[in-house]
N, C-alpha and C. Protein backbone atom coordinates (compact mmCIF):
# COMPACT_ATOMS: atom_id res chain seq x y z
N MET A 1 27.40 27.57 -14.87
CA MET A 1 26.16 27.11 -15.48
C MET A 1 26.11 25.59 -15.35
N ASN A 2 25.98 25.11 -14.15
CA ASN A 2 26.07 23.68 -13.90
C ASN A 2 24.91 22.87 -14.44
N GLN A 3 23.83 23.51 -14.87
CA GLN A 3 22.71 22.77 -15.42
C GLN A 3 22.52 23.06 -16.91
N TYR A 4 23.57 23.51 -17.55
CA TYR A 4 23.51 23.86 -18.96
C TYR A 4 23.79 22.63 -19.80
N THR A 5 23.15 22.51 -20.95
CA THR A 5 23.38 21.37 -21.83
C THR A 5 24.42 21.72 -22.88
N PHE A 6 25.44 20.89 -22.96
CA PHE A 6 26.52 21.06 -23.93
C PHE A 6 26.60 19.78 -24.74
N SER A 7 26.47 19.90 -26.04
CA SER A 7 26.43 18.70 -26.90
C SER A 7 27.81 18.18 -27.27
N GLY A 8 28.87 18.90 -26.89
CA GLY A 8 30.22 18.47 -27.23
C GLY A 8 30.68 18.95 -28.59
N SER A 9 29.81 19.64 -29.32
CA SER A 9 30.16 20.09 -30.67
C SER A 9 30.36 21.60 -30.75
N GLY A 10 30.46 22.26 -29.61
CA GLY A 10 30.61 23.71 -29.62
C GLY A 10 29.27 24.43 -29.58
N LYS A 11 28.18 23.69 -29.62
CA LYS A 11 26.85 24.28 -29.54
C LYS A 11 26.23 23.93 -28.19
N THR A 12 25.33 24.76 -27.75
CA THR A 12 24.66 24.55 -26.48
C THR A 12 23.15 24.55 -26.68
N ILE A 13 22.45 24.07 -25.71
CA ILE A 13 20.98 24.14 -25.71
C ILE A 13 20.59 24.81 -24.40
N HIS A 14 19.77 25.84 -24.48
CA HIS A 14 19.30 26.42 -23.22
C HIS A 14 17.80 26.66 -23.27
N SER A 15 17.23 26.65 -22.10
CA SER A 15 15.81 26.91 -21.95
C SER A 15 15.66 28.25 -21.25
N SER A 16 15.15 29.25 -21.97
CA SER A 16 14.94 30.56 -21.37
C SER A 16 14.05 30.46 -20.14
N VAL A 17 13.02 29.63 -20.22
CA VAL A 17 12.09 29.48 -19.11
C VAL A 17 12.82 28.94 -17.87
N GLN A 18 13.68 27.94 -18.04
CA GLN A 18 14.41 27.39 -16.91
C GLN A 18 15.37 28.42 -16.32
N LEU A 19 16.11 29.12 -17.17
CA LEU A 19 17.03 30.14 -16.67
C LEU A 19 16.28 31.26 -15.96
N GLU A 20 15.17 31.70 -16.54
CA GLU A 20 14.39 32.77 -15.93
C GLU A 20 13.76 32.34 -14.61
N SER A 21 13.46 31.05 -14.45
CA SER A 21 12.90 30.58 -13.19
C SER A 21 13.91 30.71 -12.06
N TYR A 22 15.20 30.77 -12.40
CA TYR A 22 16.26 31.02 -11.42
C TYR A 22 16.68 32.49 -11.41
N LYS A 23 15.79 33.34 -11.92
CA LYS A 23 15.94 34.81 -11.88
C LYS A 23 17.09 35.35 -12.73
N GLN A 24 17.54 34.57 -13.75
CA GLN A 24 18.53 35.08 -14.68
C GLN A 24 17.80 35.92 -15.73
N GLU A 25 18.40 36.98 -16.19
CA GLU A 25 17.80 37.81 -17.25
C GLU A 25 18.22 37.23 -18.60
N VAL A 26 17.25 36.76 -19.37
CA VAL A 26 17.54 36.13 -20.65
C VAL A 26 16.96 36.99 -21.77
N ASP A 27 17.82 37.42 -22.66
CA ASP A 27 17.40 38.15 -23.86
C ASP A 27 18.10 37.49 -25.03
N ASN A 28 17.47 36.46 -25.58
CA ASN A 28 18.12 35.66 -26.61
C ASN A 28 17.66 35.98 -28.02
N ARG A 29 17.17 37.20 -28.20
CA ARG A 29 16.81 37.64 -29.55
C ARG A 29 17.94 38.48 -30.13
N SER A 30 18.04 38.50 -31.42
CA SER A 30 19.15 39.09 -32.14
C SER A 30 19.30 40.60 -31.90
N MET A 31 20.57 41.02 -31.83
CA MET A 31 20.87 42.45 -31.76
C MET A 31 20.43 43.16 -33.03
N LYS A 32 20.29 42.41 -34.12
CA LYS A 32 19.88 43.00 -35.40
C LYS A 32 18.46 43.57 -35.32
N ILE A 33 17.67 43.10 -34.36
CA ILE A 33 16.31 43.64 -34.19
C ILE A 33 16.22 44.51 -32.94
N GLY A 34 17.40 44.88 -32.41
CA GLY A 34 17.44 45.82 -31.30
C GLY A 34 17.45 45.20 -29.91
N ASP A 35 17.60 43.89 -29.81
CA ASP A 35 17.65 43.25 -28.50
C ASP A 35 19.09 43.02 -28.06
N LYS A 36 19.27 42.49 -26.86
CA LYS A 36 20.60 42.42 -26.25
C LYS A 36 21.38 41.15 -26.56
N GLN A 37 20.72 40.06 -26.91
CA GLN A 37 21.37 38.82 -27.30
C GLN A 37 22.34 38.34 -26.22
N ARG A 38 21.83 38.19 -24.98
CA ARG A 38 22.69 37.84 -23.86
C ARG A 38 21.92 37.24 -22.71
N ILE A 39 22.65 36.70 -21.76
CA ILE A 39 22.12 36.27 -20.48
C ILE A 39 22.87 37.07 -19.43
N GLN A 40 22.14 37.65 -18.48
CA GLN A 40 22.78 38.35 -17.37
C GLN A 40 22.42 37.62 -16.09
N THR A 41 23.43 37.22 -15.34
CA THR A 41 23.20 36.46 -14.12
C THR A 41 22.86 37.38 -12.96
N LEU A 42 22.39 36.78 -11.88
CA LEU A 42 22.09 37.56 -10.67
C LEU A 42 23.32 38.25 -10.12
N ASP A 43 24.48 37.68 -10.37
CA ASP A 43 25.74 38.25 -9.89
C ASP A 43 26.29 39.32 -10.82
N GLY A 44 25.56 39.61 -11.91
CA GLY A 44 25.97 40.66 -12.81
C GLY A 44 26.86 40.23 -13.97
N PHE A 45 27.14 38.93 -14.07
CA PHE A 45 27.92 38.45 -15.21
C PHE A 45 27.07 38.52 -16.46
N VAL A 46 27.66 38.95 -17.57
CA VAL A 46 26.96 39.02 -18.85
C VAL A 46 27.58 37.98 -19.78
N ILE A 47 26.72 37.10 -20.29
CA ILE A 47 27.16 36.04 -21.20
C ILE A 47 26.55 36.34 -22.56
N LEU A 48 27.38 36.66 -23.52
CA LEU A 48 26.90 36.98 -24.85
C LEU A 48 26.51 35.70 -25.58
N LEU A 49 25.48 35.80 -26.39
CA LEU A 49 24.99 34.66 -27.16
C LEU A 49 25.25 34.88 -28.64
N ASN A 50 25.43 33.81 -29.36
CA ASN A 50 25.55 33.84 -30.81
C ASN A 50 24.23 33.37 -31.40
N ILE A 51 23.86 33.93 -32.55
CA ILE A 51 22.66 33.49 -33.25
C ILE A 51 23.10 32.77 -34.52
N MET A 52 22.68 31.50 -34.65
CA MET A 52 22.98 30.72 -35.84
C MET A 52 21.71 30.00 -36.27
N ASP A 53 21.34 30.19 -37.52
CA ASP A 53 20.13 29.56 -38.06
C ASP A 53 18.90 29.84 -37.21
N GLY A 54 18.82 31.06 -36.68
CA GLY A 54 17.65 31.48 -35.92
C GLY A 54 17.61 31.02 -34.47
N LEU A 55 18.65 30.31 -34.01
CA LEU A 55 18.70 29.83 -32.63
C LEU A 55 19.87 30.47 -31.91
N SER A 56 19.73 30.69 -30.62
CA SER A 56 20.81 31.31 -29.85
C SER A 56 21.66 30.23 -29.18
N TYR A 57 22.96 30.49 -29.14
CA TYR A 57 23.93 29.56 -28.56
C TYR A 57 24.92 30.32 -27.71
N MET A 58 25.38 29.66 -26.66
CA MET A 58 26.46 30.19 -25.85
C MET A 58 27.75 29.52 -26.30
N SER A 59 28.78 30.30 -26.55
CA SER A 59 30.08 29.72 -26.89
C SER A 59 30.65 29.06 -25.63
N MET A 60 31.12 27.84 -25.78
CA MET A 60 31.69 27.13 -24.64
C MET A 60 33.02 26.52 -25.04
N HIS A 61 33.93 26.51 -24.09
CA HIS A 61 35.23 25.88 -24.28
C HIS A 61 35.75 25.50 -22.90
N PRO A 62 36.66 24.55 -22.84
CA PRO A 62 37.27 24.25 -21.54
C PRO A 62 37.98 25.51 -21.02
N TYR A 63 37.86 25.76 -19.74
CA TYR A 63 38.48 26.96 -19.19
C TYR A 63 40.00 26.84 -19.23
N THR A 64 40.62 27.99 -19.37
CA THR A 64 42.08 28.04 -19.34
C THR A 64 42.54 28.18 -17.89
N ASP A 65 43.82 27.95 -17.65
CA ASP A 65 44.36 28.13 -16.30
C ASP A 65 44.15 29.56 -15.82
N THR A 66 44.32 30.52 -16.72
CA THR A 66 44.13 31.93 -16.37
C THR A 66 42.67 32.21 -16.02
N GLU A 67 41.74 31.71 -16.83
CA GLU A 67 40.32 31.91 -16.54
C GLU A 67 39.96 31.31 -15.18
N TYR A 68 40.46 30.12 -14.89
CA TYR A 68 40.16 29.47 -13.61
C TYR A 68 40.73 30.29 -12.46
N ALA A 69 41.94 30.80 -12.62
CA ALA A 69 42.58 31.59 -11.56
C ALA A 69 41.85 32.90 -11.32
N ASP A 70 41.26 33.48 -12.38
CA ASP A 70 40.58 34.77 -12.27
C ASP A 70 39.12 34.66 -11.83
N LEU A 71 38.55 33.46 -11.82
CA LEU A 71 37.15 33.28 -11.48
C LEU A 71 36.92 33.57 -10.00
N PRO A 72 35.97 34.46 -9.68
CA PRO A 72 35.67 34.75 -8.27
C PRO A 72 35.23 33.47 -7.55
N ARG A 73 35.65 33.31 -6.32
CA ARG A 73 35.32 32.12 -5.55
C ARG A 73 34.26 32.36 -4.49
N ASP A 74 33.86 33.59 -4.27
CA ASP A 74 32.95 33.91 -3.18
C ASP A 74 31.52 34.16 -3.63
N LEU A 75 31.14 33.59 -4.77
CA LEU A 75 29.78 33.76 -5.27
C LEU A 75 28.83 32.88 -4.45
N HIS A 76 27.69 33.42 -4.11
CA HIS A 76 26.69 32.68 -3.37
C HIS A 76 25.51 32.41 -4.28
N HIS A 77 25.01 31.20 -4.26
CA HIS A 77 23.85 30.83 -5.07
C HIS A 77 22.60 31.48 -4.46
N ARG A 78 21.91 32.29 -5.25
CA ARG A 78 20.69 32.96 -4.79
C ARG A 78 19.52 32.51 -5.61
N ARG A 79 18.39 32.37 -4.98
CA ARG A 79 17.16 32.02 -5.70
C ARG A 79 16.11 33.05 -5.44
């Protein structure tokens, strides 16, 4: 997510419109009302979102050595 905004405090800011313009599936409404509360990428990755104070956030942290080693390297950017 190279164009994602991270404030450094564990919270993120995302624009559904911007993500959807790159053909990502964004469902950032709460599971409590029957929605998926996630982002699904074109490559099939599912990123779960947290809802706090009525806003959706992606949990972010520096990647671990294991996460980096397991990350697929042959992904192609599609538009």
